[in-house]
């Protein structure tokens, strides 16, 4: 997940710009957006770790946290994977119960 456009003026951003650098076209403060991006990356990483551990509910919670911060295709894929994991766990519980 990388911020590639300014949310205010849609100018294309370079990936090598410092995190606290304002938009070069409109001067918008990109700090909050970039912090949200970093928080979303961390939440998505936790979601993937929870998926690997078979903890579907935690994975879903973290994936939703990431999606609320940044709506990106990779985040939506993590949400979908977590939902599949939760559904399988519920199915297995119903089958064994």
PDB file of N, CA and C in Angstrom:
ATOM      1  N   UNK A   1       0.837  -1.170   0.000  1.00  0.00           N
ATOM      2  CA  UNK A   1       0.000   0.000   0.000  1.00  0.00           C
ATOM      3  C   UNK A   1       0.887   1.240   0.000  1.00  0.00           C
ATOM      4  N   UNK A   2       0.813   2.007  -1.019  1.00  0.00           N
ATOM      5  CA  UNK A   2       1.571   3.251  -1.070  1.00  0.00           C
ATOM      6  C   UNK A   2       0.649   4.350  -1.572  1.00  0.00           C
ATOM      7  N   UNK A   3       0.727   5.479  -0.920  1.00  0.00           N
ATOM      8  CA  UNK A   3       0.003   6.662  -1.357  1.00  0.00           C
ATOM      9  C   UNK A   3       0.633   7.122  -2.662  1.00  0.00           C
ATOM     10  N   UNK A   4      -0.112   7.045  -3.763  1.00  0.00           N
ATOM     11  CA  UNK A   4       0.468   7.422  -5.045  1.00  0.00           C
ATOM     12  C   UNK A   4      -0.096   8.727  -5.603  1.00  0.00           C
ATOM     13  N   UNK A   5      -1.175   9.227  -4.988  1.00  0.00           N
ATOM     14  CA  UNK A   5      -1.759  10.501  -5.428  1.00  0.00           C
ATOM     15  C   UNK A   5      -2.175  11.330  -4.211  1.00  0.00           C
ATOM     16  N   UNK A   6      -2.048  12.625  -4.357  1.00  0.00           N
ATOM     17  CA  UNK A   6      -2.491  13.544  -3.307  1.00  0.00           C
ATOM     18  C   UNK A   6      -4.005  13.443  -3.192  1.00  0.00           C
ATOM     19  N   UNK A   7      -4.551  13.265  -1.987  1.00  0.00           N
ATOM     20  CA  UNK A   7      -6.006  13.170  -1.848  1.00  0.00           C
ATOM     21  C   UNK A   7      -6.712  14.487  -2.152  1.00  0.00           C
ATOM     22  N   UNK A   8      -5.997  15.610  -2.093  1.00  0.00           N
ATOM     23  CA  UNK A   8      -6.616  16.913  -2.340  1.00  0.00           C
ATOM     24  C   UNK A   8      -6.649  17.275  -3.825  1.00  0.00           C
ATOM     25  N   UNK A   9      -5.501  17.207  -4.499  1.00  0.00           N
ATOM     26  CA  UNK A   9      -5.430  17.663  -5.901  1.00  0.00           C
ATOM     27  C   UNK A   9      -5.170  16.541  -6.892  1.00  0.00           C
ATOM     28  N   UNK A  10      -4.954  15.327  -6.406  1.00  0.00           N
ATOM     29  CA  UNK A  10      -4.712  14.129  -7.225  1.00  0.00           C
ATOM     30  C   UNK A  10      -3.387  14.148  -7.985  1.00  0.00           C
ATOM     31  N   UNK A  11      -2.458  15.002  -7.569  1.00  0.00           N
ATOM     32  CA  UNK A  11      -1.133  15.007  -8.194  1.00  0.00           C
ATOM     33  C   UNK A  11      -0.441  13.687  -7.904  1.00  0.00           C
ATOM     34  N   UNK A  12       0.277  13.178  -8.891  1.00  0.00           N
ATOM     35  CA  UNK A  12       1.033  11.937  -8.699  1.00  0.00           C
ATOM     36  C   UNK A  12       2.193  12.217  -7.756  1.00  0.00           C
ATOM     37  N   UNK A  13       2.359  11.360  -6.746  1.00  0.00           N
ATOM     38  CA  UNK A  13       3.432  11.512  -5.771  1.00  0.00           C
ATOM     39  C   UNK A  13       4.557  10.553  -6.092  1.00  0.00           C
ATOM     40  N   UNK A  14       5.755  10.992  -5.833  1.00  0.00           N
ATOM     41  CA  UNK A  14       6.913  10.113  -6.014  1.00  0.00           C
ATOM     42  C   UNK A  14       7.076   9.277  -4.744  1.00  0.00           C
ATOM     43  N   UNK A  15       7.551   8.081  -4.885  1.00  0.00           N
ATOM     44  CA  UNK A  15       7.726   7.196  -3.739  1.00  0.00           C
ATOM     45  C   UNK A  15       8.874   7.564  -2.833  1.00  0.00           C
ATOM     46  N   UNK A  16       9.776   8.420  -3.297  1.00  0.00           N
ATOM     47  CA  UNK A  16      10.952   8.749  -2.501  1.00  0.00           C
ATOM     48  C   UNK A  16      10.788  10.024  -1.678  1.00  0.00           C
ATOM     49  N   UNK A  17       9.586  10.592  -1.658  1.00  0.00           N
ATOM     50  CA  UNK A  17       9.354  11.814  -0.888  1.00  0.00           C
ATOM     51  C   UNK A  17       9.319  11.494   0.602  1.00  0.00           C
ATOM     52  N   UNK A  18       9.873  12.381   1.442  1.00  0.00           N
ATOM     53  CA  UNK A  18       9.813  12.166   2.892  1.00  0.00           C
ATOM     54  C   UNK A  18       8.364  12.120   3.376  1.00  0.00           C
ATOM     55  N   UNK A  19       8.128  11.395   4.465  1.00  0.00           N
ATOM     56  CA  UNK A  19       6.768  11.226   4.970  1.00  0.00           C
ATOM     57  C   UNK A  19       6.119  12.525   5.403  1.00  0.00           C
ATOM     58  N   UNK A  20       6.928  13.491   5.841  1.00  0.00           N
ATOM     59  CA  UNK A  20       6.358  14.751   6.315  1.00  0.00           C
ATOM     60  C   UNK A  20       6.330  15.832   5.236  1.00  0.00           C
ATOM     61  N   UNK A  21       6.659  15.478   4.012  1.00  0.00           N
ATOM     62  CA  UNK A  21       6.696  16.424   2.893  1.00  0.00           C
ATOM     63  C   UNK A  21       5.273  16.743   2.431  1.00  0.00           C
ATOM     64  N   UNK A  22       4.907  18.035   2.306  1.00  0.00           N
ATOM     65  CA  UNK A  22       3.578  18.367   1.769  1.00  0.00           C
ATOM     66  C   UNK A  22       3.530  18.103   0.268  1.00  0.00           C
ATOM     67  N   UNK A  23       2.337  18.077  -0.287  1.00  0.00           N
ATOM     68  CA  UNK A  23       2.170  17.894  -1.723  1.00  0.00           C
ATOM     69  C   UNK A  23       2.890  19.020  -2.451  1.00  0.00           C
ATOM     70  N   UNK A  24       3.661  18.663  -3.451  1.00  0.00           N
ATOM     71  CA  UNK A  24       4.444  19.669  -4.166  1.00  0.00           C
ATOM     72  C   UNK A  24       3.565  20.556  -5.045  1.00  0.00           C
ATOM     73  N   UNK A  25       2.373  20.084  -5.423  1.00  0.00           N
ATOM     74  CA  UNK A  25       1.502  20.901  -6.271  1.00  0.00           C
ATOM     75  C   UNK A  25       0.618  21.844  -5.447  1.00  0.00           C
ATOM     76  N   UNK A  26      -0.107  21.296  -4.454  1.00  0.00           N
ATOM     77  CA  UNK A  26      -1.085  22.124  -3.730  1.00  0.00           C
ATOM     78  C   UNK A  26      -0.670  22.452  -2.306  1.00  0.00           C
ATOM     79  N   UNK A  27       0.393  21.807  -1.806  1.00  0.00           N
ATOM     80  CA  UNK A  27       0.859  22.089  -0.452  1.00  0.00           C
ATOM     81  C   UNK A  27       0.076  21.391   0.648  1.00  0.00           C
ATOM     82  N   UNK A  28      -0.826  20.471   0.276  1.00  0.00           N
ATOM     83  CA  UNK A  28      -1.631  19.751   1.279  1.00  0.00           C
ATOM     84  C   UNK A  28      -0.726  18.958   2.213  1.00  0.00           C
ATOM     85  N   UNK A  29      -1.112  18.925   3.475  1.00  0.00           N
ATOM     86  CA  UNK A  29      -0.387  18.144   4.477  1.00  0.00           C
ATOM     87  C   UNK A  29      -0.706  16.672   4.253  1.00  0.00           C
ATOM     88  N   UNK A  30       0.280  15.891   3.899  1.00  0.00           N
ATOM     89  CA  UNK A  30       0.094  14.470   3.625  1.00  0.00           C
ATOM     90  C   UNK A  30       0.448  13.603   4.828  1.00  0.00           C
ATOM     91  N   UNK A  31       0.828  14.241   5.927  1.00  0.00           N
ATOM     92  CA  UNK A  31       1.269  13.504   7.104  1.00  0.00           C
ATOM     93  C   UNK A  31       0.221  12.562   7.661  1.00  0.00           C
ATOM     94  N   UNK A  32      -1.017  13.050   7.842  1.00  0.00           N
ATOM     95  CA  UNK A  32      -2.074  12.193   8.391  1.00  0.00           C
ATOM     96  C   UNK A  32      -2.381  11.028   7.460  1.00  0.00           C
ATOM     97  N   UNK A  33      -2.416  11.308   6.173  1.00  0.00           N
ATOM     98  CA  UNK A  33      -2.704  10.256   5.207  1.00  0.00           C
ATOM     99  C   UNK A  33      -1.609   9.196   5.226  1.00  0.00           C
ATOM    100  N   UNK A  34      -0.378   9.637   5.301  1.00  0.00           N
ATOM    101  CA  UNK A  34       0.737   8.676   5.316  1.00  0.00           C
ATOM    102  C   UNK A  34       0.791   7.904   6.625  1.00  0.00           C
ATOM    103  N   UNK A  35       0.421   8.544   7.737  1.00  0.00           N
ATOM    104  CA  UNK A  35       0.351   7.805   9.012  1.00  0.00           C
ATOM    105  C   UNK A  35      -0.744   6.749   8.953  1.00  0.00           C
ATOM    106  N   UNK A  36      -1.880   7.114   8.389  1.00  0.00           N
ATOM    107  CA  UNK A  36      -2.972   6.141   8.240  1.00  0.00           C
ATOM    108  C   UNK A  36      -2.525   4.973   7.365  1.00  0.00           C
ATOM    109  N   UNK A  37      -1.766   5.283   6.333  1.00  0.00           N
ATOM    110  CA  UNK A  37      -1.239   4.239   5.456  1.00  0.00           C
ATOM    111  C   UNK A  37      -0.330   3.278   6.225  1.00  0.00           C
ATOM    112  N   UNK A  38       0.552   3.818   7.049  1.00  0.00           N
ATOM    113  CA  UNK A  38       1.456   2.964   7.846  1.00  0.00           C
ATOM    114  C   UNK A  38       0.668   2.134   8.849  1.00  0.00           C
ATOM    115  N   UNK A  39      -0.357   2.728   9.473  1.00  0.00           N
ATOM    116  CA  UNK A  39      -1.188   1.982  10.418  1.00  0.00           C
ATOM    117  C   UNK A  39      -1.948   0.868   9.702  1.00  0.00           C
ATOM    118  N   UNK A  40      -2.430   1.147   8.507  1.00  0.00           N
ATOM    119  CA  UNK A  40      -3.136   0.120   7.729  1.00  0.00           C
ATOM    120  C   UNK A  40      -2.201  -1.020   7.359  1.00  0.00           C
ATOM    121  N   UNK A  41      -0.977  -0.700   6.985  1.00  0.00           N
ATOM    122  CA  UNK A  41      -0.003  -1.743   6.658  1.00  0.00           C
ATOM    123  C   UNK A  41       0.268  -2.630   7.871  1.00  0.00           C
ATOM    124  N   UNK A  42       0.381  -2.012   9.039  1.00  0.00           N
ATOM    125  CA  UNK A  42       0.626  -2.788  10.263  1.00  0.00           C
ATOM    126  C   UNK A  42      -0.577  -3.678  10.581  1.00  0.00           C
ATOM    127  N   UNK A  43      -1.790  -3.146  10.440  1.00  0.00           N
ATOM    128  CA  UNK A  43      -2.996  -3.938  10.715  1.00  0.00           C
ATOM    129  C   UNK A  43      -3.119  -5.090   9.720  1.00  0.00           C
ATOM    130  N   UNK A  44      -2.787  -4.817   8.461  1.00  0.00           N
ATOM    131  CA  UNK A  44      -2.850  -5.889   7.468  1.00  0.00           C
ATOM    132  C   UNK A  44      -1.804  -6.968   7.762  1.00  0.00           C
ATOM    133  N   UNK A  45      -0.635  -6.564   8.206  1.00  0.00           N
ATOM    134  CA  UNK A  45       0.412  -7.532   8.571  1.00  0.00           C
ATOM    135  C   UNK A  45      -0.072  -8.406   9.742  1.00  0.00           C
ATOM    136  N   UNK A  46      -0.707  -7.775  10.742  1.00  0.00           N
ATOM    137  CA  UNK A  46      -1.248  -8.554  11.872  1.00  0.00           C
ATOM    138  C   UNK A  46      -2.355  -9.497  11.409  1.00  0.00           C
ATOM    139  N   UNK A  47      -3.172  -9.039  10.470  1.00  0.00           N
ATOM    140  CA  UNK A  47      -4.247  -9.890   9.944  1.00  0.00           C
ATOM    141  C   UNK A  47      -3.669 -11.119   9.251  1.00  0.00           C
ATOM    142  N   UNK A  48      -2.643 -10.912   8.463  1.00  0.00           N
ATOM    143  CA  UNK A  48      -2.025 -12.046   7.757  1.00  0.00           C
ATOM    144  C   UNK A  48      -1.363 -13.010   8.733  1.00  0.00           C
ATOM    145  N   UNK A  49      -0.756 -12.486   9.780  1.00  0.00           N
ATOM    146  CA  UNK A  49      -0.161 -13.351  10.806  1.00  0.00           C
ATOM    147  C   UNK A  49      -1.248 -14.156  11.508  1.00  0.00           C
ATOM    148  N   UNK A  50      -2.371 -13.520  11.799  1.00  0.00           N
ATOM    149  CA  UNK A  50      -3.478 -14.225  12.445  1.00  0.00           C
ATOM    150  C   UNK A  50      -4.039 -15.297  11.514  1.00  0.00           C
ATOM    151  N   UNK A  51      -4.125 -14.998  10.223  1.00  0.00           N
ATOM    152  CA  UNK A  51      -4.586 -16.019   9.263  1.00  0.00           C
ATOM    153  C   UNK A  51      -3.658 -17.219   9.267  1.00  0.00           C
ATOM    154  N   UNK A  52      -2.361 -16.953   9.276  1.00  0.00           N
ATOM    155  CA  UNK A  52      -1.379 -18.041   9.277  1.00  0.00           C
ATOM    156  C   UNK A  52      -1.502 -18.896  10.534  1.00  0.00           C
ATOM    157  N   UNK A  53      -1.934 -18.272  11.627  1.00  0.00           N
ATOM    158  CA  UNK A  53      -2.105 -18.992  12.890  1.00  0.00           C
ATOM    159  C   UNK A  53      -3.490 -19.612  13.023  1.00  0.00           C
ATOM    160  N   UNK A  54      -4.346 -19.425  12.009  1.00  0.00           N
ATOM    161  CA  UNK A  54      -5.694 -19.985  12.052  1.00  0.00           C
ATOM    162  C   UNK A  54      -6.643 -19.230  12.950  1.00  0.00           C
ATOM    163  N   UNK A  55      -6.328 -17.989  13.257  1.00  0.00           N
ATOM    164  CA  UNK A  55      -7.172 -17.157  14.121  1.00  0.00           C
ATOM    165  C   UNK A  55      -8.031 -16.243  13.251  1.00  0.00           C
ATOM    166  N   UNK A  56      -9.105 -16.800  12.723  1.00  0.00           N
ATOM    167  CA  UNK A  56      -9.942 -16.104  11.760  1.00  0.00           C
ATOM    168  C   UNK A  56     -10.588 -14.840  12.281  1.00  0.00           C
ATOM    169  N   UNK A  57     -11.117 -14.882  13.507  1.00  0.00           N
ATOM    170  CA  UNK A  57     -11.797 -13.704  14.049  1.00  0.00           C
ATOM    171  C   UNK A  57     -10.826 -12.540  14.223  1.00  0.00           C
ATOM    172  N   UNK A  58      -9.636 -12.824  14.741  1.00  0.00           N
ATOM    173  CA  UNK A  58      -8.630 -11.770  14.900  1.00  0.00           C
ATOM    174  C   UNK A  58      -8.183 -11.260  13.531  1.00  0.00           C
ATOM    175  N   UNK A  59      -8.007 -12.157  12.584  1.00  0.00           N
ATOM    176  CA  UNK A  59      -7.611 -11.762  11.236  1.00  0.00           C
ATOM    177  C   UNK A  59      -8.659 -10.845  10.615  1.00  0.00           C
ATOM    178  N   UNK A  60      -9.926 -11.190  10.784  1.00  0.00           N
ATOM    179  CA  UNK A  60     -11.007 -10.375  10.239  1.00  0.00           C
ATOM    180  C   UNK A  60     -11.025  -8.993  10.887  1.00  0.00           C
ATOM    181  N   UNK A  61     -10.870  -8.952  12.195  1.00  0.00           N
ATOM    182  CA  UNK A  61     -10.859  -7.671  12.919  1.00  0.00           C
ATOM    183  C   UNK A  61      -9.731  -6.773  12.434  1.00  0.00           C
ATOM    184  N   UNK A  62      -8.533  -7.328  12.308  1.00  0.00           N
ATOM    185  CA  UNK A  62      -7.381  -6.531  11.861  1.00  0.00           C
ATOM    186  C   UNK A  62      -7.521  -6.129  10.393  1.00  0.00           C
ATOM    187  N   UNK A  63      -8.063  -7.016   9.574  1.00  0.00           N
ATOM    188  CA  UNK A  63      -8.254  -6.695   8.159  1.00  0.00           C
ATOM    189  C   UNK A  63      -9.267  -5.563   7.998  1.00  0.00           C
ATOM    190  N   UNK A  64     -10.333  -5.594   8.793  1.00  0.00           N
ATOM    191  CA  UNK A  64     -11.307  -4.499   8.744  1.00  0.00           C
ATOM    192  C   UNK A  64     -10.691  -3.191   9.217  1.00  0.00           C
ATOM    193  N   UNK A  65      -9.857  -3.259  10.230  1.00  0.00           N
ATOM    194  CA  UNK A  65      -9.166  -2.055  10.703  1.00  0.00           C
ATOM    195  C   UNK A  65      -8.331  -1.459   9.569  1.00  0.00           C
ATOM    196  N   UNK A  66      -7.613  -2.312   8.864  1.00  0.00           N
ATOM    197  CA  UNK A  66      -6.796  -1.841   7.737  1.00  0.00           C
ATOM    198  C   UNK A  66      -7.674  -1.249   6.638  1.00  0.00           C
ATOM    199  N   UNK A  67      -8.795  -1.891   6.347  1.00  0.00           N
ATOM    200  CA  UNK A  67      -9.682  -1.424   5.288  1.00  0.00           C
ATOM    201  C   UNK A  67     -10.308  -0.079   5.630  1.00  0.00           C
ATOM    202  N   UNK A  68     -10.631   0.126   6.896  1.00  0.00           N
ATOM    203  CA  UNK A  68     -11.184   1.424   7.303  1.00  0.00           C
ATOM    204  C   UNK A  68     -10.176   2.550   7.117  1.00  0.00           C
ATOM    205  N   UNK A  69      -8.916   2.217   7.267  1.00  0.00           N
ATOM    206  CA  UNK A  69      -7.869   3.233   7.120  1.00  0.00           C
ATOM    207  C   UNK A  69      -7.532   3.496   5.659  1.00  0.00           C
ATOM    208  N   UNK A  70      -7.368   2.426   4.880  1.00  0.00           N
ATOM    209  CA  UNK A  70      -6.992   2.544   3.470  1.00  0.00           C
ATOM    210  C   UNK A  70      -7.734   1.471   2.679  1.00  0.00           C
ATOM    211  N   UNK A  71      -8.560   1.920   1.758  1.00  0.00           N
ATOM    212  CA  UNK A  71      -9.285   0.978   0.901  1.00  0.00           C
ATOM    213  C   UNK A  71      -8.406   0.658  -0.301  1.00  0.00           C
ATOM    214  N   UNK A  72      -7.767  -0.498  -0.242  1.00  0.00           N
ATOM    215  CA  UNK A  72      -6.859  -0.921  -1.311  1.00  0.00           C
ATOM    216  C   UNK A  72      -7.188  -2.365  -1.687  1.00  0.00           C
ATOM    217  N   UNK A  73      -6.896  -2.768  -2.923  1.00  0.00           N
ATOM    218  CA  UNK A  73      -7.189  -4.144  -3.342  1.00  0.00           C
ATOM    219  C   UNK A  73      -6.561  -5.206  -2.429  1.00  0.00           C
ATOM    220  N   UNK A  74      -5.323  -4.990  -2.000  1.00  0.00           N
ATOM    221  CA  UNK A  74      -4.674  -5.989  -1.146  1.00  0.00           C
ATOM    222  C   UNK A  74      -5.389  -6.108   0.200  1.00  0.00           C
ATOM    223  N   UNK A  75      -5.910  -4.995   0.694  1.00  0.00           N
ATOM    224  CA  UNK A  75      -6.644  -5.023   1.962  1.00  0.00           C
ATOM    225  C   UNK A  75      -7.962  -5.768   1.794  1.00  0.00           C
ATOM    226  N   UNK A  76      -8.647  -5.519   0.684  1.00  0.00           N
ATOM    227  CA  UNK A  76      -9.902  -6.235   0.430  1.00  0.00           C
ATOM    228  C   UNK A  76      -9.658  -7.738   0.296  1.00  0.00           C
ATOM    229  N   UNK A  77      -8.537  -8.116  -0.292  1.00  0.00           N
ATOM    230  CA  UNK A  77      -8.200  -9.546  -0.411  1.00  0.00           C
ATOM    231  C   UNK A  77      -7.971 -10.159   0.969  1.00  0.00           C
ATOM    232  N   UNK A  78      -7.336  -9.412   1.869  1.00  0.00           N
ATOM    233  CA  UNK A  78      -7.099  -9.922   3.217  1.00  0.00           C
ATOM    234  C   UNK A  78      -8.418 -10.077   3.961  1.00  0.00           C
ATOM    235  N   UNK A  79      -9.344  -9.124   3.787  1.00  0.00           N
ATOM    236  CA  UNK A  79     -10.675  -9.232   4.400  1.00  0.00           C
ATOM    237  C   UNK A  79     -11.375 -10.487   3.885  1.00  0.00           C
ATOM    238  N   UNK A  80     -11.322 -10.701   2.581  1.00  0.00           N
ATOM    239  CA  UNK A  80     -11.973 -11.883   1.991  1.00  0.00           C
ATOM    240  C   UNK A  80     -11.362 -13.177   2.524  1.00  0.00           C
ATOM    241  N   UNK A  81     -10.042 -13.231   2.624  1.00  0.00           N
ATOM    242  CA  UNK A  81      -9.383 -14.428   3.151  1.00  0.00           C
ATOM    243  C   UNK A  81      -9.788 -14.676   4.603  1.00  0.00           C
ATOM    244  N   UNK A  82      -9.898 -13.601   5.372  1.00  0.00           N
ATOM    245  CA  UNK A  82     -10.300 -13.747   6.773  1.00  0.00           C
ATOM    246  C   UNK A  82     -11.744 -14.248   6.874  1.00  0.00           C
ATOM    247  N   UNK A  83     -12.617 -13.743   6.014  1.00  0.00           N
ATOM    248  CA  UNK A  83     -14.010 -14.217   6.018  1.00  0.00           C
ATOM    249  C   UNK A  83     -14.090 -15.699   5.672  1.00  0.00           C
ATOM    250  N   UNK A  84     -13.299 -16.126   4.712  1.00  0.00           N
ATOM    251  CA  UNK A  84     -13.272 -17.549   4.348  1.00  0.00           C
ATOM    252  C   UNK A  84     -12.791 -18.376   5.531  1.00  0.00           C
ATOM    253  N   UNK A  85     -11.763 -17.902   6.219  1.00  0.00           N
ATOM    254  CA  UNK A  85     -11.231 -18.607   7.387  1.00  0.00           C
ATOM    255  C   UNK A  85     -12.295 -18.722   8.477  1.00  0.00           C
ATOM    256  N   UNK A  86     -12.993 -17.621   8.758  1.00  0.00           N
ATOM    257  CA  UNK A  86     -14.041 -17.637   9.781  1.00  0.00           C
ATOM    258  C   UNK A  86     -15.153 -18.606   9.382  1.00  0.00           C
ATOM    259  N   UNK A  87     -15.558 -18.574   8.118  1.00  0.00           N
ATOM    260  CA  UNK A  87     -16.625 -19.470   7.654  1.00  0.00           C
ATOM    261  C   UNK A  87     -16.217 -20.934   7.783  1.00  0.00           C
ATOM    262  N   UNK A  88     -14.972 -21.232   7.455  1.00  0.00           N
ATOM    263  CA  UNK A  88     -14.501 -22.617   7.580  1.00  0.00           C
ATOM    264  C   UNK A  88     -14.458 -23.061   9.037  1.00  0.00           C
ATOM    265  N   UNK A  89     -14.012 -22.173   9.911  1.00  0.00           N
ATOM    266  CA  UNK A  89     -13.977 -22.519  11.338  1.00  0.00           C
ATOM    267  C   UNK A  89     -15.376 -22.788  11.858  1.00  0.00           C
ATOM    268  N   UNK A  90     -16.334 -21.950  11.469  1.00  0.00           N
ATOM    269  CA  UNK A  90     -17.721 -22.158  11.915  1.00  0.00           C
ATOM    270  C   UNK A  90     -18.282 -23.464  11.361  1.00  0.00           C
ATOM    271  N   UNK A  91     -17.992 -23.745  10.101  1.00  0.00           N
ATOM    272  CA  UNK A  91     -18.466 -24.988   9.491  1.00  0.00           C
ATOM    273  C   UNK A  91     -17.876 -26.202  10.212  1.00  0.00           C
ATOM    274  N   UNK A  92     -16.587 -26.129  10.507  1.00  0.00           N
ATOM    275  CA  UNK A  92     -15.931 -27.235  11.217  1.00  0.00           C
ATOM    276  C   UNK A  92     -16.511 -27.424  12.601  1.00  0.00           C
ATOM    277  N   UNK A  93     -16.832 -26.311  13.278  1.00  0.00           N
ATOM    278  CA  UNK A  93     -17.423 -26.400  14.611  1.00  0.00           C
ATOM    279  C   UNK A  93     -18.818 -27.037  14.545  1.00  0.00           C
ATOM    280  N   UNK A  94     -19.584 -26.644  13.532  1.00  0.00           N
ATOM    281  CA  UNK A  94     -20.932 -27.210  13.374  1.00  0.00           C
ATOM    282  C   UNK A  94     -20.862 -28.697  13.032  1.00  0.00           C
ATOM    283  N   UNK A  95     -19.894 -29.079  12.217  1.00  0.00           N
ATOM    284  CA  UNK A  95     -19.744 -30.474  11.829  1.00  0.00           C
ATOM    285  C   UNK A  95     -19.318 -31.344  13.011  1.00  0.00           C
ATOM    286  N   UNK A  96     -18.503 -30.786  13.897  1.00  0.00           N
ATOM    287  CA  UNK A  96     -18.012 -31.577  15.023  1.00  0.00           C
ATOM    288  C   UNK A  96     -18.958 -31.506  16.230  1.00  0.00           C
ATOM    289  N   UNK A  97     -19.905 -30.577  16.182  1.00  0.00           N
ATOM    290  CA  UNK A  97     -20.801 -30.388  17.331  1.00  0.00           C
ATOM    291  C   UNK A  97     -22.025 -31.156  17.223  1.00  0.00           C
TER     292      UNK A  97
END
